[in-house]
Protein backbone atom coordinates (compact mmCIF):
# COMPACT_ATOMS: atom_id res chain seq x y z
CA MET A 1 50.72 34.03 -30.14
CA HIS A 2 51.53 32.93 -33.68
CA GLY A 3 54.86 31.47 -32.56
CA GLN A 4 53.17 29.61 -29.73
CA GLY A 5 50.57 28.19 -32.13
CA SER A 6 53.27 27.08 -34.54
CA ARG A 7 55.15 25.41 -31.71
CA ASN A 8 52.01 23.58 -30.59
CA ASP A 9 51.43 22.38 -34.15
CA GLN A 10 54.99 21.05 -34.31
CA ASP A 11 54.58 19.25 -30.98
CA PHE A 12 51.32 17.68 -32.16
CA PHE A 13 52.91 16.60 -35.45
CA ILE A 14 55.87 15.01 -33.65
CA ALA A 15 53.53 13.30 -31.18
CA GLU A 16 51.59 11.75 -34.09
CA GLN A 17 54.84 10.60 -35.71
CA VAL A 18 55.99 9.02 -32.43
CA ARG A 19 52.66 7.23 -32.13
CA THR A 20 53.06 5.89 -35.67
CA ASP A 21 56.62 4.76 -34.89
CA ARG A 22 55.33 2.85 -31.87
CA LEU A 23 52.71 1.13 -34.01
CA GLN A 24 55.29 0.09 -36.60
CA GLN A 25 57.55 -1.34 -33.91
CA LEU A 26 54.59 -3.17 -32.38
CA PHE A 27 53.84 -4.99 -35.61
CA ARG A 28 57.52 -5.71 -36.29
CA GLN A 29 58.28 -7.11 -32.85
CA SER A 30 55.08 -8.99 -32.08
CA ILE A 31 54.78 -11.10 -35.21
CA THR A 32 56.83 -13.81 -33.50
CA ALA A 33 54.48 -13.68 -30.50
CA VAL A 34 51.60 -14.83 -32.70
CA PHE A 35 53.32 -18.10 -33.52
CA GLY A 36 55.22 -18.35 -30.22
CA SER A 37 52.11 -18.29 -28.05
CA TYR A 38 50.47 -21.01 -30.12
CA LEU A 39 53.57 -23.20 -30.15
CA ALA A 40 53.97 -22.74 -26.38
CA ALA A 41 50.44 -24.06 -25.82
CA VAL A 42 51.06 -27.02 -28.13
CA MET A 43 54.31 -27.85 -26.36
CA LEU A 44 52.68 -27.62 -22.93
CA CYS A 45 49.86 -29.94 -24.00
CA TRP A 46 52.37 -32.38 -25.50
CA LEU A 47 54.45 -32.48 -22.32
CA CYS A 48 51.41 -33.00 -20.10
CA TRP A 49 49.20 -34.96 -22.48
CA ASP A 50 48.86 -37.84 -20.05
CA ARG A 51 48.09 -35.46 -17.16
CA PHE A 52 45.55 -33.16 -18.89
CA GLU A 53 41.95 -33.90 -19.80
CA HIS A 54 42.06 -34.48 -23.54
CA SER A 55 38.70 -32.93 -24.42
CA VAL A 56 39.64 -29.69 -22.64
CA VAL A 57 43.01 -29.64 -24.40
CA LEU A 58 41.41 -30.01 -27.81
CA VAL A 59 38.91 -27.22 -27.17
CA TRP A 60 41.71 -24.96 -25.93
CA LEU A 61 43.88 -25.63 -28.98
CA ALA A 62 40.92 -25.12 -31.31
CA LEU A 63 40.18 -21.71 -29.79
CA LEU A 64 43.87 -20.77 -29.93
CA THR A 65 43.99 -21.82 -33.58
CA GLY A 66 41.11 -19.48 -34.36
CA SER A 67 42.60 -16.53 -32.49
CA THR A 68 46.01 -17.17 -34.07
CA LEU A 69 44.55 -17.19 -37.57
CA LEU A 70 42.71 -13.96 -36.77
CA ARG A 71 45.95 -12.30 -35.66
CA ILE A 72 47.79 -13.55 -38.74
CA ALA A 73 45.03 -12.08 -40.92
CA LEU A 74 45.50 -8.76 -39.10
CA PHE A 75 49.25 -8.78 -39.78
CA VAL A 76 48.73 -9.64 -43.45
CA ALA A 77 46.20 -6.83 -43.84
CA TYR A 78 48.60 -4.39 -42.20
CA VAL A 79 51.52 -5.37 -44.42
CA ARG A 80 49.41 -5.20 -47.59
CA SER A 81 47.90 -1.83 -46.73
CA ASP A 82 49.26 1.38 -48.19
CA GLU A 83 51.93 2.94 -45.99
CA SER A 84 49.89 6.14 -45.67
CA LYS A 85 47.06 4.11 -44.12
CA ARG A 86 49.19 2.47 -41.43
CA THR A 87 47.99 4.90 -38.81
CA PRO A 88 47.37 4.29 -35.10
CA GLN A 89 43.76 5.42 -35.50
CA ARG A 90 43.17 2.64 -38.03
CA TRP A 91 45.13 -0.24 -36.44
CA GLU A 92 45.56 0.17 -32.67
CA ARG A 93 41.96 -0.73 -31.83
CA LYS A 94 42.05 -3.80 -34.10
CA TYR A 95 45.30 -4.93 -32.53
CA TRP A 96 43.88 -4.48 -29.04
CA ILE A 97 40.90 -6.70 -29.88
CA THR A 98 43.02 -9.57 -31.22
CA LEU A 99 45.50 -9.27 -28.35
CA VAL A 100 42.85 -9.35 -25.60
CA LEU A 101 41.09 -12.26 -27.30
CA SER A 102 44.29 -14.29 -27.70
CA ALA A 103 45.60 -13.57 -24.18
CA SER A 104 42.20 -14.36 -22.61
CA ILE A 105 42.05 -17.70 -24.42
CA TRP A 106 45.60 -18.51 -23.35
CA GLY A 107 45.09 -17.59 -19.69
CA GLY A 108 41.64 -19.17 -19.42
CA GLY A 109 42.77 -22.30 -21.24
CA ALA A 110 45.82 -22.71 -19.00
CA LEU A 111 43.53 -22.62 -15.98
CA ALA A 112 41.10 -25.06 -17.59
CA VAL A 113 43.74 -27.70 -18.37
CA MET A 114 45.59 -27.44 -15.03
CA PRO A 115 44.87 -30.54 -12.87
CA ALA A 116 43.66 -29.80 -9.37
CA ASP A 117 45.77 -32.50 -7.70
CA ASP A 118 49.01 -32.57 -9.73
CA LEU A 119 51.68 -30.18 -8.41
CA LEU A 120 54.14 -31.01 -11.18
CA SER A 121 51.60 -30.18 -13.90
CA GLN A 122 50.64 -27.00 -12.06
CA ALA A 123 54.28 -25.97 -11.88
CA LEU A 124 54.71 -26.63 -15.62
CA VAL A 125 51.62 -24.62 -16.48
CA MET A 126 52.84 -21.69 -14.37
CA LEU A 127 56.28 -21.96 -15.93
CA PHE A 128 54.77 -21.58 -19.38
CA THR A 129 52.53 -18.68 -18.32
CA VAL A 130 55.55 -16.88 -16.87
CA GLY A 131 57.40 -17.51 -20.13
CA MET A 132 54.50 -16.01 -22.05
CA SER A 133 54.65 -12.97 -19.78
CA VAL A 134 58.37 -12.49 -20.42
CA SER A 135 57.80 -12.65 -24.17
CA ALA A 136 55.05 -10.04 -23.83
CA VAL A 137 57.56 -7.60 -22.33
CA SER A 138 59.76 -7.80 -25.42
CA CYS A 139 56.93 -7.94 -27.96
CA TYR A 140 54.82 -5.06 -26.68
CA SER A 141 57.60 -2.91 -25.21
CA ALA A 142 56.39 0.21 -27.02
CA TYR A 143 52.92 -0.16 -25.48
CA ARG A 144 53.06 -0.54 -21.71
CA ASP A 145 49.29 -0.95 -21.41
CA MET A 146 49.35 -3.85 -23.85
CA THR A 147 52.17 -5.49 -21.92
CA LEU A 148 50.35 -5.24 -18.59
CA VAL A 149 47.01 -6.39 -19.99
CA SER A 150 48.63 -9.33 -21.76
CA ILE A 151 50.51 -10.39 -18.60
CA GLY A 152 47.40 -9.97 -16.48
CA LEU A 153 45.16 -12.05 -18.75
CA VAL A 154 47.72 -14.86 -19.03
CA LEU A 155 48.98 -14.95 -15.42
CA LEU A 156 46.10 -13.92 -13.19
CA PRO A 157 43.60 -16.78 -13.74
CA CYS A 158 46.06 -19.50 -12.70
CA THR A 159 47.71 -17.33 -10.04
CA ALA A 160 44.37 -16.45 -8.42
CA TRP A 161 43.40 -20.11 -8.40
CA LEU A 162 46.69 -21.08 -6.69
CA LEU A 163 46.18 -18.43 -4.01
CA LEU A 164 42.90 -20.12 -3.04
CA GLN A 165 44.45 -23.56 -2.64
CA PRO A 166 45.16 -25.05 0.80
CA SER A 167 48.72 -26.09 0.01
CA GLN A 168 51.44 -23.76 1.28
CA LEU A 169 53.54 -24.66 -1.76
CA GLN A 170 50.77 -23.57 -4.15
CA VAL A 171 50.22 -20.29 -2.32
CA GLY A 172 53.95 -19.66 -2.23
CA MET A 173 54.18 -20.28 -5.98
CA ALA A 174 51.40 -17.76 -6.56
CA LEU A 175 53.04 -15.15 -4.35
CA CYS A 176 56.35 -15.55 -6.21
CA ILE A 177 54.55 -14.99 -9.49
CA LEU A 178 52.87 -11.86 -8.14
CA VAL A 179 56.25 -10.49 -7.02
CA PHE A 180 57.63 -11.26 -10.48
CA ALA A 181 54.68 -9.48 -12.10
CA ALA A 182 55.27 -6.40 -9.91
CA PHE A 183 58.92 -6.17 -11.02
CA VAL A 184 57.89 -6.64 -14.65
CA ALA A 185 55.30 -3.85 -14.37
CA ARG A 186 57.95 -1.49 -13.04
CA ALA A 187 60.41 -2.47 -15.76
CA THR A 188 57.86 -2.01 -18.54
CA HIS A 189 57.18 1.54 -17.36
CA LYS A 190 60.85 2.52 -17.70
CA MET A 191 61.22 0.65 -20.99
CA SER A 192 58.21 2.28 -22.64
CA GLN A 193 59.37 5.72 -21.47
CA ALA A 194 62.86 5.12 -22.87
CA LEU A 195 61.45 4.00 -26.22
CA GLU A 196 59.12 6.97 -26.50
CA THR A 197 61.97 9.33 -25.66
CA ALA A 198 64.13 7.69 -28.33
CA PHE A 199 61.35 7.95 -30.92
CA ARG A 200 60.72 11.59 -30.02
CA LEU A 201 64.41 12.55 -30.18
CA THR A 202 64.74 10.86 -33.57
CA ARG A 203 61.73 12.73 -34.96
CA GLU A 204 62.88 16.05 -33.49
CA MET A 205 66.31 15.59 -35.07
CA GLU A 206 64.69 14.76 -38.41
CA GLN A 207 62.50 17.84 -38.19
CA ALA A 208 65.43 20.08 -37.25
CA ASN A 209 67.43 18.68 -40.16
CA SER A 210 64.49 19.23 -42.52
CA ILE A 211 64.10 22.82 -41.35
CA SER A 212 67.80 23.56 -41.76
CA THR A 213 67.86 21.92 -45.20
CA ARG A 214 64.81 23.90 -46.31
CA ALA A 215 66.34 27.11 -44.96
CA ALA A 216 69.55 26.44 -46.89
CA GLN A 217 67.58 25.89 -50.09
CA THR A 218 65.28 28.90 -49.73
CA ASP A 219 66.09 32.54 -50.27
CA GLU A 220 65.03 34.19 -47.02
CA LEU A 221 63.92 37.47 -48.60
CA THR A 222 61.81 36.25 -51.53
CA GLY A 223 60.86 32.72 -50.45
CA LEU A 224 62.12 31.37 -53.79
CA LYS A 225 64.85 28.79 -54.22
CA SER A 226 68.36 29.94 -53.44
CA ARG A 227 70.97 29.99 -56.19
CA ARG A 228 72.43 26.65 -55.14
CA ALA A 229 69.03 24.97 -54.78
CA PHE A 230 67.87 26.37 -58.12
CA PHE A 231 70.80 24.93 -60.05
CA GLU A 232 70.50 21.57 -58.28
CA HIS A 233 66.85 21.24 -59.30
CA ALA A 234 67.51 22.84 -62.69
CA GLN A 235 70.10 20.22 -63.58
CA GLN A 236 67.68 17.41 -62.69
CA LEU A 237 64.93 19.01 -64.78
CA TYR A 238 67.31 19.57 -67.71
CA ASN A 239 68.36 15.91 -67.64
CA GLU A 240 64.73 14.72 -67.50
CA CYS A 241 63.67 16.93 -70.41
CA ARG A 242 66.64 15.81 -72.46
CA ALA A 243 65.97 12.13 -71.72
CA ASN A 244 62.28 12.52 -72.65
CA ARG A 245 63.04 14.81 -75.60
CA LEU A 246 60.96 17.65 -74.20
CA GLU A 247 61.60 21.28 -74.99
CA LEU A 248 62.87 23.32 -72.05
CA CYS A 249 62.85 27.11 -71.92
CA ALA A 250 64.89 29.31 -69.63
CA VAL A 251 63.80 32.80 -68.57
CA MET A 252 66.28 35.22 -67.02
CA LEU A 253 64.81 38.25 -65.24
CA ASP A 254 66.57 41.35 -63.92
CA MET A 255 64.95 44.33 -62.18
CA ASP A 256 65.44 47.63 -64.01
CA HIS A 257 67.26 50.43 -62.17
CA PHE A 258 67.21 48.51 -58.91
CA LYS A 259 70.34 50.28 -57.63
CA HIS A 260 68.51 53.58 -58.12
CA ILE A 261 65.61 52.28 -55.98
CA ASN A 262 68.00 51.32 -53.18
CA ASP A 263 69.93 54.59 -53.37
CA THR A 264 66.79 56.77 -53.54
CA TYR A 265 64.37 55.04 -51.15
CA GLY A 266 66.67 52.90 -49.01
CA HIS A 267 67.35 49.20 -48.73
CA GLN A 268 64.16 48.50 -46.82
CA VAL A 269 62.10 49.62 -49.81
CA GLY A 270 64.42 47.64 -52.08
CA ASP A 271 63.84 44.57 -49.98
CA GLN A 272 60.09 45.13 -50.20
CA VAL A 273 60.36 45.27 -54.01
CA LEU A 274 62.22 41.95 -54.00
CA ARG A 275 59.61 40.39 -51.71
CA GLN A 276 56.88 41.46 -54.11
CA MET A 277 58.88 40.02 -56.99
CA GLY A 278 59.14 36.72 -55.15
CA MET A 279 55.36 36.65 -54.62
CA VAL A 280 54.68 37.46 -58.28
CA ILE A 281 57.06 34.79 -59.58
CA ASN A 282 55.84 32.18 -57.11
CA SER A 283 52.20 32.70 -58.13
CA SER A 284 52.77 33.02 -61.88
CA PHE A 285 54.14 29.59 -62.72
CA ARG A 286 53.21 25.91 -62.59
CA ALA A 287 54.27 23.46 -59.92
CA THR A 288 56.46 21.73 -62.51
CA ASP A 289 58.36 24.95 -63.26
CA ILE A 290 61.49 25.82 -61.35
CA HIS A 291 62.30 29.35 -60.25
CA GLY A 292 64.82 30.96 -57.94
CA ARG A 293 66.72 34.08 -57.01
CA LEU A 294 70.26 33.89 -58.38
CA GLY A 295 71.46 36.91 -56.44
CA GLY A 296 70.75 40.61 -56.06
CA GLU A 297 67.85 41.54 -58.33
CA GLU A 298 68.37 38.64 -60.76
CA PHE A 299 65.91 35.74 -61.05
CA ALA A 300 65.67 32.62 -63.23
CA ILE A 301 62.79 30.38 -64.32
CA LEU A 302 62.80 27.06 -66.17
CA LEU A 303 59.69 26.00 -68.09
CA PRO A 304 59.63 22.29 -69.05
CA ASN A 305 57.62 21.03 -72.04
CA THR A 306 57.10 24.62 -73.17
CA SER A 307 57.73 26.07 -76.63
CA ILE A 308 59.72 29.25 -77.12
CA GLU A 309 56.55 31.02 -78.33
CA VAL A 310 54.58 30.12 -75.20
CA ALA A 311 57.53 30.99 -72.97
CA THR A 312 57.76 34.40 -74.63
CA GLU A 313 54.04 35.02 -74.06
CA ILE A 314 54.45 34.07 -70.39
CA ALA A 315 57.40 36.45 -70.09
CA GLU A 316 55.36 39.27 -71.65
CA GLU A 317 52.54 38.65 -69.18
CA LEU A 318 55.06 38.68 -66.33
CA ILE A 319 56.29 42.10 -67.44
CA GLN A 320 52.72 43.40 -67.39
CA THR A 321 52.16 42.00 -63.88
CA ILE A 322 55.39 43.54 -62.58
CA GLY A 323 54.50 46.89 -64.17
CA GLY A 324 51.22 46.88 -62.28
CA LEU A 325 52.79 46.45 -58.84
CA MET A 326 52.01 49.26 -56.40
CA ILE A 327 54.95 49.60 -54.03
CA GLU A 328 55.13 52.85 -52.10
CA PRO A 329 56.99 55.14 -52.45
CA VAL A 330 58.34 53.68 -55.72
CA ASN A 331 56.22 54.99 -58.58
CA CYS A 332 57.04 52.32 -61.12
CA VAL A 333 58.77 48.95 -61.09
CA THR A 334 59.90 47.30 -64.31
CA ALA A 335 62.04 44.35 -65.35
CA SER A 336 63.85 43.03 -68.38
CA LEU A 337 63.66 39.39 -69.44
CA GLY A 338 65.60 37.07 -71.72
CA VAL A 339 64.20 33.80 -73.07
CA ALA A 340 66.07 30.83 -74.55
CA SER A 341 65.11 27.28 -75.56
CA THR A 342 66.87 23.93 -75.79
CA GLN A 343 65.58 23.70 -79.37
CA ALA A 344 68.51 25.93 -80.28
CA GLY A 345 70.76 22.91 -79.71
CA HIS A 346 72.29 23.65 -76.29
CA LYS A 347 74.53 20.85 -75.08
CA ASP A 348 74.17 21.56 -71.36
CA LEU A 349 72.29 23.61 -68.79
CA HIS A 350 75.09 26.21 -68.56
CA SER A 351 74.82 26.90 -72.29
CA LEU A 352 71.03 27.31 -72.09
CA MET A 353 71.22 29.70 -69.13
CA ASN A 354 74.05 31.67 -70.73
CA ASN A 355 72.00 32.13 -73.90
CA ALA A 356 69.00 33.38 -71.88
CA ASP A 357 71.34 35.74 -70.00
CA GLN A 358 72.64 37.18 -73.28
CA ALA A 359 69.06 37.77 -74.40
CA LEU A 360 68.42 39.55 -71.08
CA TYR A 361 71.31 41.94 -71.68
CA ARG A 362 69.99 42.59 -75.18
CA ALA A 363 66.59 43.49 -73.68
CA LYS A 364 68.32 46.00 -71.42
CA ALA A 365 70.34 47.41 -74.31
CA LEU A 366 67.13 47.86 -76.31
CA GLY A 367 65.62 50.09 -73.59
CA ARG A 368 64.60 47.77 -70.70
CA ASN A 369 61.07 46.74 -69.61
CA GLN A 370 60.79 44.22 -72.42
CA VAL A 371 61.41 40.60 -73.45
CA ALA A 372 64.20 39.54 -75.76
CA VAL A 373 64.39 36.07 -77.31
CA ALA A 374 67.77 34.40 -77.72
CA ARG A 375 68.99 34.23 -81.27
């Protein structure tokens, strides 16, 4: 049940990412449509200025100017918004409103300016409406519903009017446009499916890569960073502290008599001890600290912007926490720790870690279950 729930969560997360990808593509591709639709109307009116009624043309262009400015304002708001707020829930509805408004004005205006007794003007108007429909396919390819609604609002008013005319030529023109629209509707279905599949595959590959990367950087038994991941992050932290002249302390930790635990109680108990150690270490330090399992029963922690005195106190508290662990059937679990600081003049991360390691061995030589500070 838990696995099924996790799988459902992953599917939902990918579905939301795909939806966001579609929205981003919509805004990228359709910005040209905002200007293109307006310029197409201007060009049509210019070509047929002597054939159209001028007052109707001016009203149409005025309405298109308003809807165009509204759409431009929407695009500007989207671009200026924080990337985390560019969600489908926030922008899809707004986009729908501006699209329906603009397409309705275009389709209704084309019908309004079309002369009732001029076949050439009618043909030009239909040519431009078909061109607008073709552009809609490319602009709204990620949203099939938007493509169909846009085509319908632009094409249907003039097409329906032509179907009601007595001329066979006008009816034939309308039927051709309807056949064209049917082919476009079929093509948009396949195109939107292909795009969604591509988006989904991309996101699934990214997620799989993220999971594999995280698995490679995490010690499976303790949940801490693996040796390789620890040193990669440790080097970055060391460089940052050195650049900002911040003190950095290293703590090396080794379980006492861990081989005896494995030999006496078995490796399953030993693994349980290591799991508990991982939980203790993970909950005992700040988010800015770096900790990991270097191998076997050996762990390392880096404490940035921390003095050697504070680091020693933290190490002492860690020993007390480890000593209080109740892991059956082991009666007592202890650890030895070594602490070193960059204030001692270490030239690199390796030198710092080596100094903390030497302090760790001194803690063991002094009787274990204690903290030793590097000299």
